[in-house]
Amino acid sequence: MQKQYNTRSKELIWEYIKTNRERGVTAADISAYLSENKQQVNLATVYRNLERMTADGMIRKFKS
């Protein structure tokens, strides 16, 4: 089993999700927010963290 780390990127993504829990957010929303706040997190990292959070049951994924 692969060990999971709590990285700074994951913490930033999780904080954004918690702050915006009243609405659905996209990976692009998260990436744009992080870029605007001078956080160097690429879109692939956002997607990877969202997939892990979904697998861990932290968030739910909705397809439109």
C-alpha atoms as a PDB file:
ATOM      1  CA  MET A   1       0.000   0.000   0.000  1.00  0.00           C
ATOM      2  CA  GLN A   2       1.278   3.437  -0.937  1.00  0.00           C
ATOM      3  CA  LYS A   3       1.911   5.832   1.927  1.00  0.00           C
ATOM      4  CA  GLN A   4      -0.098   9.062   1.748  1.00  0.00           C
ATOM      5  CA  TYR A   5       1.548  12.325   2.681  1.00  0.00           C
ATOM      6  CA  ASN A   6      -0.059  15.565   3.805  1.00  0.00           C
ATOM      7  CA  THR A   7       1.659  17.948   1.439  1.00  0.00           C
ATOM      8  CA  ARG A   8       1.292  21.716   1.362  1.00  0.00           C
ATOM      9  CA  SER A   9      -0.548  21.380  -1.967  1.00  0.00           C
ATOM     10  CA  LYS A  10      -3.065  18.965  -0.468  1.00  0.00           C
ATOM     11  CA  GLU A  11      -3.611  21.276   2.505  1.00  0.00           C
ATOM     12  CA  LEU A  12      -4.228  24.275   0.229  1.00  0.00           C
ATOM     13  CA  ILE A  13      -6.662  22.311  -1.936  1.00  0.00           C
ATOM     14  CA  TRP A  14      -8.507  20.964   1.105  1.00  0.00           C
ATOM     15  CA  GLU A  15      -8.799  24.453   2.647  1.00  0.00           C
ATOM     16  CA  TYR A  16     -10.275  25.794  -0.600  1.00  0.00           C
ATOM     17  CA  ILE A  17     -12.808  22.965  -0.736  1.00  0.00           C
ATOM     18  CA  LYS A  18     -13.830  23.489   2.901  1.00  0.00           C
ATOM     19  CA  THR A  19     -14.175  27.238   2.386  1.00  0.00           C
ATOM     20  CA  ASN A  20     -16.386  26.681  -0.670  1.00  0.00           C
ATOM     21  CA  ARG A  21     -18.357  23.689   0.585  1.00  0.00           C
ATOM     22  CA  GLU A  22     -21.713  25.353  -0.104  1.00  0.00           C
ATOM     23  CA  ARG A  23     -21.108  25.043  -3.853  1.00  0.00           C
ATOM     24  CA  GLY A  24     -19.506  22.626  -6.238  1.00  0.00           C
ATOM     25  CA  VAL A  25     -15.997  23.476  -7.332  1.00  0.00           C
ATOM     26  CA  THR A  26     -13.919  22.269 -10.242  1.00  0.00           C
ATOM     27  CA  ALA A  27     -10.246  21.509 -10.524  1.00  0.00           C
ATOM     28  CA  ALA A  28      -9.977  24.619 -12.703  1.00  0.00           C
ATOM     29  CA  ASP A  29     -11.576  26.733  -9.934  1.00  0.00           C
ATOM     30  CA  ILE A  30      -9.043  25.444  -7.434  1.00  0.00           C
ATOM     31  CA  SER A  31      -6.116  25.918  -9.796  1.00  0.00           C
ATOM     32  CA  ALA A  32      -7.172  29.481 -10.650  1.00  0.00           C
ATOM     33  CA  TYR A  33      -7.579  30.365  -6.975  1.00  0.00           C
ATOM     34  CA  LEU A  34      -4.153  28.987  -6.102  1.00  0.00           C
ATOM     35  CA  SER A  35      -2.530  30.839  -9.008  1.00  0.00           C
ATOM     36  CA  GLU A  36      -4.201  34.105  -7.980  1.00  0.00           C
ATOM     37  CA  ASN A  37      -2.788  33.616  -4.485  1.00  0.00           C
ATOM     38  CA  LYS A  38       0.738  32.969  -5.747  1.00  0.00           C
ATOM     39  CA  GLN A  39       0.724  29.261  -4.894  1.00  0.00           C
ATOM     40  CA  GLN A  40       2.723  27.110  -7.308  1.00  0.00           C
ATOM     41  CA  VAL A  41       0.453  24.074  -7.768  1.00  0.00           C
ATOM     42  CA  ASN A  42      -0.028  22.706 -11.265  1.00  0.00           C
ATOM     43  CA  LEU A  43      -3.351  21.417 -12.558  1.00  0.00           C
ATOM     44  CA  ALA A  44      -2.178  17.775 -12.635  1.00  0.00           C
ATOM     45  CA  THR A  45      -1.419  17.991  -8.907  1.00  0.00           C
ATOM     46  CA  VAL A  46      -4.901  19.369  -8.258  1.00  0.00           C
ATOM     47  CA  TYR A  47      -6.505  16.497 -10.193  1.00  0.00           C
ATOM     48  CA  ARG A  48      -4.318  13.891  -8.458  1.00  0.00           C
ATOM     49  CA  ASN A  49      -5.225  15.232  -5.021  1.00  0.00           C
ATOM     50  CA  LEU A  50      -8.924  15.378  -5.878  1.00  0.00           C
ATOM     51  CA  GLU A  51      -8.820  11.739  -7.007  1.00  0.00           C
ATOM     52  CA  ARG A  52      -7.131  10.721  -3.743  1.00  0.00           C
ATOM     53  CA  MET A  53      -9.628  12.703  -1.674  1.00  0.00           C
ATOM     54  CA  THR A  54     -12.473  11.037  -3.567  1.00  0.00           C
ATOM     55  CA  ALA A  55     -10.980   7.568  -3.014  1.00  0.00           C
ATOM     56  CA  ASP A  56     -10.505   8.350   0.689  1.00  0.00           C
ATOM     57  CA  GLY A  57     -14.152   9.450   0.998  1.00  0.00           C
ATOM     58  CA  MET A  58     -13.268  13.049   1.855  1.00  0.00           C
ATOM     59  CA  ILE A  59     -15.185  14.477  -1.109  1.00  0.00           C
ATOM     60  CA  ARG A  60     -17.704  13.344  -3.699  1.00  0.00           C
ATOM     61  CA  LYS A  61     -17.249  13.639  -7.423  1.00  0.00           C
ATOM     62  CA  PHE A  62     -20.118  14.815  -9.615  1.00  0.00           C
ATOM     63  CA  LYS A  63     -20.174  14.737 -13.391  1.00  0.00           C
ATOM     64  CA  SER A  64     -22.221  17.309 -15.232  1.00  0.00           C
END
